[in-house]
C-alpha atoms as a PDB file:
ATOM      1  CA  PRO A   1      45.783  45.817  66.803  1.00  0.00           C
ATOM      2  CA  THR A   2      41.950  45.299  66.886  1.00  0.00           C
ATOM      3  CA  LEU A   3      39.924  43.910  69.848  1.00  0.00           C
ATOM      4  CA  THR A   4      36.191  42.473  69.709  1.00  0.00           C
ATOM      5  CA  ILE A   5      35.095  41.396  73.059  1.00  0.00           C
ATOM      6  CA  SER A   6      32.150  39.252  72.056  1.00  0.00           C
ATOM      7  CA  SER A   7      30.951  38.479  75.441  1.00  0.00           C
ATOM      8  CA  PRO A   8      29.726  39.433  77.454  1.00  0.00           C
ATOM      9  CA  ARG A   9      27.963  42.194  75.052  1.00  0.00           C
ATOM     10  CA  PRO A  10      28.115  45.645  76.253  1.00  0.00           C
ATOM     11  CA  ASN A  11      24.938  46.872  78.777  1.00  0.00           C
ATOM     12  CA  ARG A  12      22.651  44.240  79.399  1.00  0.00           C
ATOM     13  CA  ASN A  13      22.946  40.250  79.129  1.00  0.00           C
ATOM     14  CA  THR A  14      20.290  37.903  79.433  1.00  0.00           C
ATOM     15  CA  GLY A  15      21.872  34.797  81.541  1.00  0.00           C
ATOM     16  CA  PRO A  16      23.240  32.522  81.786  1.00  0.00           C
ATOM     17  CA  LEU A  17      27.125  34.403  80.772  1.00  0.00           C
ATOM     18  CA  SER A  18      29.219  30.678  80.551  1.00  0.00           C
ATOM     19  CA  MET A  19      31.957  31.944  78.602  1.00  0.00           C
ATOM     20  CA  ILE A  20      34.146  35.337  78.025  1.00  0.00           C
ATOM     21  CA  ARG A  21      35.080  35.420  74.721  1.00  0.00           C
ATOM     22  CA  ILE A  22      37.274  37.962  72.746  1.00  0.00           C
ATOM     23  CA  GLY A  23      38.526  38.178  69.065  1.00  0.00           C
ATOM     24  CA  ALA A  24      42.256  40.131  68.256  1.00  0.00           C
ATOM     25  CA  ALA A  25      43.746  40.662  64.648  1.00  0.00           C
ATOM     26  CA  ASP A  26      46.801  43.105  63.523  1.00  0.00           C
ATOM     27  CA  ALA A  27      47.193  42.926  59.705  1.00  0.00           C
ATOM     28  CA  ALA A  28      50.366  44.420  59.711  1.00  0.00           C
ATOM     29  CA  SER A  29      52.584  42.332  62.355  1.00  0.00           C
ATOM     30  CA  GLY A  30      50.078  40.171  64.435  1.00  0.00           C
ATOM     31  CA  VAL A  31      49.265  40.374  67.792  1.00  0.00           C
ATOM     32  CA  ASP A  32      51.508  38.985  70.435  1.00  0.00           C
ATOM     33  CA  PRO A  33      48.811  36.722  72.384  1.00  0.00           C
ATOM     34  CA  ALA A  34      51.121  36.193  75.311  1.00  0.00           C
ATOM     35  CA  SER A  35      50.947  39.747  75.774  1.00  0.00           C
ATOM     36  CA  LEU A  36      46.712  39.584  76.039  1.00  0.00           C
ATOM     37  CA  SER A  37      45.509  40.692  79.751  1.00  0.00           C
ATOM     38  CA  VAL A  38      42.352  40.155  81.027  1.00  0.00           C
ATOM     39  CA  THR A  39      40.658  41.905  83.988  1.00  0.00           C
ATOM     40  CA  ALA A  40      37.002  42.333  85.391  1.00  0.00           C
ATOM     41  CA  SER A  41      35.980  44.129  88.021  1.00  0.00           C
ATOM     42  CA  VAL A  42      34.077  41.286  89.815  1.00  0.00           C
ATOM     43  CA  ALA A  43      35.273  37.721  90.779  1.00  0.00           C
ATOM     44  CA  ILE A  44      35.910  35.736  87.964  1.00  0.00           C
ATOM     45  CA  ASN A  45      36.514  31.756  88.613  1.00  0.00           C
ATOM     46  CA  GLY A  46      37.548  32.050  91.974  1.00  0.00           C
ATOM     47  CA  ARG A  47      39.742  35.364  91.257  1.00  0.00           C
ATOM     48  CA  ALA A  48      39.096  38.255  93.054  1.00  0.00           C
ATOM     49  CA  GLY A  49      37.981  41.798  90.502  1.00  0.00           C
ATOM     50  CA  GLY A  50      40.815  43.105  88.951  1.00  0.00           C
ATOM     51  CA  ALA A  51      42.853  39.769  89.345  1.00  0.00           C
ATOM     52  CA  GLU A  52      44.412  38.671  85.797  1.00  0.00           C
ATOM     53  CA  LEU A  53      42.384  36.073  83.998  1.00  0.00           C
ATOM     54  CA  ALA A  54      44.174  35.728  80.461  1.00  0.00           C
ATOM     55  CA  ASP A  55      45.891  32.404  81.861  1.00  0.00           C
ATOM     56  CA  LEU A  56      42.603  30.558  82.705  1.00  0.00           C
ATOM     57  CA  GLY A  57      41.770  31.075  79.035  1.00  0.00           C
ATOM     58  CA  THR A  58      43.126  29.469  75.507  1.00  0.00           C
ATOM     59  CA  TRP A  59      43.772  30.571  72.179  1.00  0.00           C
ATOM     60  CA  ASN A  60      42.216  28.980  69.311  1.00  0.00           C
ATOM     61  CA  SER A  61      43.833  28.834  65.743  1.00  0.00           C
ATOM     62  CA  ASP A  62      41.261  32.155  64.317  1.00  0.00           C
ATOM     63  CA  GLY A  63      42.788  34.702  66.807  1.00  0.00           C
ATOM     64  CA  VAL A  64      39.342  33.809  69.015  1.00  0.00           C
ATOM     65  CA  PHE A  65      39.909  33.643  72.717  1.00  0.00           C
ATOM     66  CA  SER A  66      37.828  31.744  74.932  1.00  0.00           C
ATOM     67  CA  LEU A  67      37.464  31.661  78.980  1.00  0.00           C
ATOM     68  CA  PRO A  68      34.731  29.069  80.286  1.00  0.00           C
ATOM     69  CA  LEU A  69      33.176  30.508  83.492  1.00  0.00           C
ATOM     70  CA  ALA A  70      33.202  27.734  86.540  1.00  0.00           C
ATOM     71  CA  THR A  71      30.193  28.744  87.544  1.00  0.00           C
ATOM     72  CA  PRO A  72      28.079  30.036  84.775  1.00  0.00           C
ATOM     73  CA  VAL A  73      26.971  33.744  85.834  1.00  0.00           C
ATOM     74  CA  GLN A  74      22.933  34.304  86.445  1.00  0.00           C
ATOM     75  CA  VAL A  75      22.768  37.767  88.244  1.00  0.00           C
ATOM     76  CA  LEU A  76      25.695  40.515  88.043  1.00  0.00           C
ATOM     77  CA  PRO A  77      25.147  44.181  88.790  1.00  0.00           C
ATOM     78  CA  SER A  78      26.582  46.608  86.317  1.00  0.00           C
ATOM     79  CA  SER A  79      30.440  45.138  85.790  1.00  0.00           C
ATOM     80  CA  ARG A  80      33.218  46.217  83.812  1.00  0.00           C
ATOM     81  CA  LEU A  81      35.651  43.440  81.407  1.00  0.00           C
ATOM     82  CA  THR A  82      39.069  45.281  80.687  1.00  0.00           C
ATOM     83  CA  VAL A  83      41.245  43.772  77.622  1.00  0.00           C
ATOM     84  CA  ARG A  84      44.168  44.787  76.447  1.00  0.00           C
ATOM     85  CA  ILE A  85      46.660  43.654  73.879  1.00  0.00           C
ATOM     86  CA  ARG A  86      49.763  44.347  72.105  1.00  0.00           C
ATOM     87  CA  ASP A  87      50.857  43.620  68.358  1.00  0.00           C
ATOM     88  CA  ARG A  88      54.440  42.787  67.303  1.00  0.00           C
ATOM     89  CA  ALA A  89      55.393  46.022  66.448  1.00  0.00           C
ATOM     90  CA  GLY A  90      54.782  47.378  70.468  1.00  0.00           C
ATOM     91  CA  ASN A  91      51.487  48.624  69.648  1.00  0.00           C
ATOM     92  CA  VAL A  92      48.809  48.689  72.145  1.00  0.00           C
ATOM     93  CA  THR A  93      44.824  48.732  72.411  1.00  0.00           C
ATOM     94  CA  THR A  94      43.114  48.671  75.296  1.00  0.00           C
ATOM     95  CA  GLN A  95      38.664  47.722  75.225  1.00  0.00           C
ATOM     96  CA  VAL A  96      36.762  48.548  77.783  1.00  0.00           C
ATOM     97  CA  ALA A  97      32.816  46.696  78.439  1.00  0.00           C
ATOM     98  CA  ARG A  98      30.415  47.374  80.700  1.00  0.00           C
ATOM     99  CA  PHE A  99      27.746  44.944  80.933  1.00  0.00           C
ATOM    100  CA  SER A 100      25.253  43.522  83.129  1.00  0.00           C
ATOM    101  CA  VAL A 101      23.802  39.990  83.279  1.00  0.00           C
ATOM    102  CA  GLN A 102      19.751  39.684  84.427  1.00  0.00           C
ATOM    103  CA  PRO A 103      17.690  36.781  84.114  1.00  0.00           C
END
């Protein structure tokens, strides 16, 4: 499967950051949306860094996962977002985005 982390963008983001947005696709067998794993190295929506976040967001019909942030992030030092998904054939893809948020 393919994964694209469109928000936050890698490296420096100009705040505020109000959404985590991920695209996933697989032309052969299709992605398994239930297999999505999203973790961040920082606290998100009241969950500690490293905690699973996938259950906080929703999928739309175009294969885009959106997770709105309860409080938009204005400033954040270098952090990491890790996303994993499996396709229906059992293949796994992982993407890691290193990012920061600055005014």
